[in-house]
Amino acid sequence: PSPTPPRAPAVLLSSGPFQLSRGNELASGLSLTTSFSLSFTITPNTTRGEWSNIVHVTNGDNCCSYGSRVPAVWFFGGTRTLYVVDGQPGRGNDEVCGWYERPTLDMG
C-alpha cells in the first residue's frame, strides 16, 4: 500500500460564532497539503438576491487556475442551496456536487 500523505497541522480560524461579512479575511499565508479537511457550521438566517460567498480558500486568484478555489463555497442567489467547488490541476473550478446533489440548508 502507498504511504498516507502527511497531514497539515490543525489551524483554528475562529474560537466561536461570528457573522459572515464581505471582505472578512480570517487568515493568510496558510499552506495546504494535498490532503486536508475543512469544517464549519453555518446557519443561514436570510437569503440574498446575488450569489453569497461563504468560504473561499485561495492562492490569491478568484478563478479558475489551480489553487484559486481549494475549496470555495457559495449560496446560489436567492436560495439556501450550496455551490461547492474544489480546484483540481487542469480544472480550477471543479464542481463537487452535481445539480441534483446540491444540498439546501434550513433557515436558522
C-alpha atoms as a PDB file:
ATOM      1  CA  PRO A   1       0.000   0.000   0.000  1.00  0.00           C
ATOM      2  CA  SER A   2       1.093   3.571  -0.659  1.00  0.00           C
ATOM      3  CA  PRO A   3       2.027   5.669   2.365  1.00  0.00           C
ATOM      4  CA  THR A   4      -0.527   8.037   3.866  1.00  0.00           C
ATOM      5  CA  PRO A   5       0.139  11.653   2.788  1.00  0.00           C
ATOM      6  CA  PRO A   6       1.284  13.930   5.606  1.00  0.00           C
ATOM      7  CA  ARG A   7      -1.442  15.996   7.237  1.00  0.00           C
ATOM      8  CA  ALA A   8      -1.044  19.697   7.815  1.00  0.00           C
ATOM      9  CA  PRO A   9      -1.300  20.851  11.427  1.00  0.00           C
ATOM     10  CA  ALA A  10      -4.749  21.997  12.546  1.00  0.00           C
ATOM     11  CA  VAL A  11      -5.363  25.741  12.295  1.00  0.00           C
ATOM     12  CA  LEU A  12      -8.264  27.196  14.282  1.00  0.00           C
ATOM     13  CA  LEU A  13      -9.617  30.257  12.456  1.00  0.00           C
ATOM     14  CA  SER A  14     -12.295  31.226  14.970  1.00  0.00           C
ATOM     15  CA  SER A  15     -12.891  30.198  18.556  1.00  0.00           C
ATOM     16  CA  GLY A  16     -16.614  30.912  18.469  1.00  0.00           C
ATOM     17  CA  PRO A  17     -19.574  32.022  16.400  1.00  0.00           C
ATOM     18  CA  PHE A  18     -19.321  35.081  14.195  1.00  0.00           C
ATOM     19  CA  GLN A  19     -21.353  36.723  11.468  1.00  0.00           C
ATOM     20  CA  LEU A  20     -20.104  36.426   7.906  1.00  0.00           C
ATOM     21  CA  SER A  21     -19.273  39.747   6.292  1.00  0.00           C
ATOM     22  CA  ARG A  22     -17.850  40.884   2.959  1.00  0.00           C
ATOM     23  CA  GLY A  23     -14.058  41.009   2.864  1.00  0.00           C
ATOM     24  CA  ASN A  24     -13.605  39.290   6.225  1.00  0.00           C
ATOM     25  CA  GLU A  25     -10.252  37.544   5.789  1.00  0.00           C
ATOM     26  CA  LEU A  26      -9.766  35.057   8.611  1.00  0.00           C
ATOM     27  CA  ALA A  27      -6.222  34.007   7.738  1.00  0.00           C
ATOM     28  CA  SER A  28      -3.483  34.469   5.176  1.00  0.00           C
ATOM     29  CA  GLY A  29      -0.239  32.708   4.396  1.00  0.00           C
ATOM     30  CA  LEU A  30      -1.608  29.231   5.092  1.00  0.00           C
ATOM     31  CA  SER A  31      -0.009  26.305   3.305  1.00  0.00           C
ATOM     32  CA  LEU A  32      -2.226  23.391   2.279  1.00  0.00           C
ATOM     33  CA  THR A  33      -1.070  19.874   1.580  1.00  0.00           C
ATOM     34  CA  THR A  34      -2.836  17.661  -0.967  1.00  0.00           C
ATOM     35  CA  SER A  35      -4.673  16.031   1.930  1.00  0.00           C
ATOM     36  CA  PHE A  36      -6.601  18.459   4.109  1.00  0.00           C
ATOM     37  CA  SER A  37     -10.004  18.921   5.699  1.00  0.00           C
ATOM     38  CA  LEU A  38     -12.102  21.998   6.280  1.00  0.00           C
ATOM     39  CA  SER A  39     -15.098  22.051   8.560  1.00  0.00           C
ATOM     40  CA  PHE A  40     -17.550  24.690   9.641  1.00  0.00           C
ATOM     41  CA  THR A  41     -21.156  25.060  10.722  1.00  0.00           C
ATOM     42  CA  ILE A  42     -23.385  27.655   9.106  1.00  0.00           C
ATOM     43  CA  THR A  43     -26.959  28.603   9.939  1.00  0.00           C
ATOM     44  CA  PRO A  44     -28.499  30.885   7.304  1.00  0.00           C
ATOM     45  CA  ASN A  45     -30.955  33.456   8.672  1.00  0.00           C
ATOM     46  CA  THR A  46     -31.931  35.007   5.344  1.00  0.00           C
ATOM     47  CA  THR A  47     -31.170  34.843   1.628  1.00  0.00           C
ATOM     48  CA  ARG A  48     -29.613  37.432  -0.683  1.00  0.00           C
ATOM     49  CA  GLY A  49     -30.516  38.181  -4.281  1.00  0.00           C
ATOM     50  CA  GLU A  50     -26.993  37.551  -5.560  1.00  0.00           C
ATOM     51  CA  TRP A  51     -24.508  34.737  -5.009  1.00  0.00           C
ATOM     52  CA  SER A  52     -23.163  34.803  -1.446  1.00  0.00           C
ATOM     53  CA  ASN A  53     -19.659  33.550  -0.746  1.00  0.00           C
ATOM     54  CA  ILE A  54     -19.346  31.571   2.492  1.00  0.00           C
ATOM     55  CA  VAL A  55     -15.726  30.449   2.368  1.00  0.00           C
ATOM     56  CA  HIS A  56     -13.043  30.792  -0.294  1.00  0.00           C
ATOM     57  CA  VAL A  57      -9.628  29.255   0.288  1.00  0.00           C
ATOM     58  CA  THR A  58      -7.378  30.627  -2.435  1.00  0.00           C
ATOM     59  CA  ASN A  59      -3.840  31.215  -3.616  1.00  0.00           C
ATOM     60  CA  GLY A  60      -4.897  34.824  -4.267  1.00  0.00           C
ATOM     61  CA  ASP A  61      -6.762  34.341  -7.550  1.00  0.00           C
ATOM     62  CA  ASN A  62     -10.555  34.376  -7.755  1.00  0.00           C
ATOM     63  CA  CYS A  63     -10.917  31.815 -10.550  1.00  0.00           C
ATOM     64  CA  CYS A  64     -10.122  29.492 -12.322  1.00  0.00           C
ATOM     65  CA  SER A  65      -6.496  28.433 -12.070  1.00  0.00           C
ATOM     66  CA  TYR A  66      -5.356  25.553  -9.877  1.00  0.00           C
ATOM     67  CA  GLY A  67      -5.264  26.814  -6.299  1.00  0.00           C
ATOM     68  CA  SER A  68      -7.788  29.596  -6.767  1.00  0.00           C
ATOM     69  CA  ARG A  69     -10.641  27.627  -5.205  1.00  0.00           C
ATOM     70  CA  VAL A  70      -9.461  24.891  -2.806  1.00  0.00           C
ATOM     71  CA  PRO A  71     -12.297  24.860  -1.811  1.00  0.00           C
ATOM     72  CA  ALA A  72     -14.863  27.616  -2.222  1.00  0.00           C
ATOM     73  CA  VAL A  73     -18.483  27.511  -1.064  1.00  0.00           C
ATOM     74  CA  TRP A  74     -21.359  29.831  -2.008  1.00  0.00           C
ATOM     75  CA  PHE A  75     -25.112  30.100  -1.715  1.00  0.00           C
ATOM     76  CA  PHE A  76     -26.836  30.404  -5.092  1.00  0.00           C
ATOM     77  CA  GLY A  77     -28.538  33.807  -5.303  1.00  0.00           C
ATOM     78  CA  GLY A  78     -31.901  33.984  -3.542  1.00  0.00           C
ATOM     79  CA  THR A  79     -31.551  30.447  -2.137  1.00  0.00           C
ATOM     80  CA  ARG A  80     -30.009  28.414   0.662  1.00  0.00           C
ATOM     81  CA  THR A  81     -28.622  25.932  -1.893  1.00  0.00           C
ATOM     82  CA  LEU A  82     -24.865  25.393  -1.708  1.00  0.00           C
ATOM     83  CA  TYR A  83     -22.453  25.567  -4.628  1.00  0.00           C
ATOM     84  CA  VAL A  84     -19.139  23.878  -3.739  1.00  0.00           C
ATOM     85  CA  VAL A  85     -16.019  23.781  -5.906  1.00  0.00           C
ATOM     86  CA  ASP A  86     -12.593  22.323  -5.260  1.00  0.00           C
ATOM     87  CA  GLY A  87      -9.914  23.210  -7.770  1.00  0.00           C
ATOM     88  CA  GLN A  88      -8.010  20.341  -9.352  1.00  0.00           C
ATOM     89  CA  PRO A  89      -4.976  20.541 -11.639  1.00  0.00           C
ATOM     90  CA  GLY A  90      -6.365  21.431 -15.062  1.00  0.00           C
ATOM     91  CA  ARG A  91      -9.797  22.240 -13.611  1.00  0.00           C
ATOM     92  CA  GLY A  92      -9.524  25.089 -11.141  1.00  0.00           C
ATOM     93  CA  ASN A  93     -13.303  25.400 -10.811  1.00  0.00           C
ATOM     94  CA  ASP A  94     -14.297  21.741 -10.397  1.00  0.00           C
ATOM     95  CA  GLU A  95     -17.830  21.433  -9.006  1.00  0.00           C
ATOM     96  CA  VAL A  96     -18.053  18.942  -6.140  1.00  0.00           C
ATOM     97  CA  CYS A  97     -21.811  18.243  -6.310  1.00  0.00           C
ATOM     98  CA  GLY A  98     -23.924  17.662  -9.393  1.00  0.00           C
ATOM     99  CA  TRP A  99     -27.067  19.738  -9.929  1.00  0.00           C
ATOM    100  CA  TYR A 100     -29.382  17.231  -8.190  1.00  0.00           C
ATOM    101  CA  GLU A 101     -26.943  16.568  -5.323  1.00  0.00           C
ATOM    102  CA  ARG A 102     -26.547  20.157  -4.150  1.00  0.00           C
ATOM    103  CA  PRO A 103     -27.572  20.492  -0.508  1.00  0.00           C
ATOM    104  CA  THR A 104     -30.098  23.132   0.616  1.00  0.00           C
ATOM    105  CA  LEU A 105     -29.826  24.322   4.221  1.00  0.00           C
ATOM    106  CA  ASP A 106     -32.722  25.007   6.567  1.00  0.00           C
ATOM    107  CA  MET A 107     -33.206  28.525   7.929  1.00  0.00           C
ATOM    108  CA  GLY A 108     -31.842  29.158  11.407  1.00  0.00           C
END
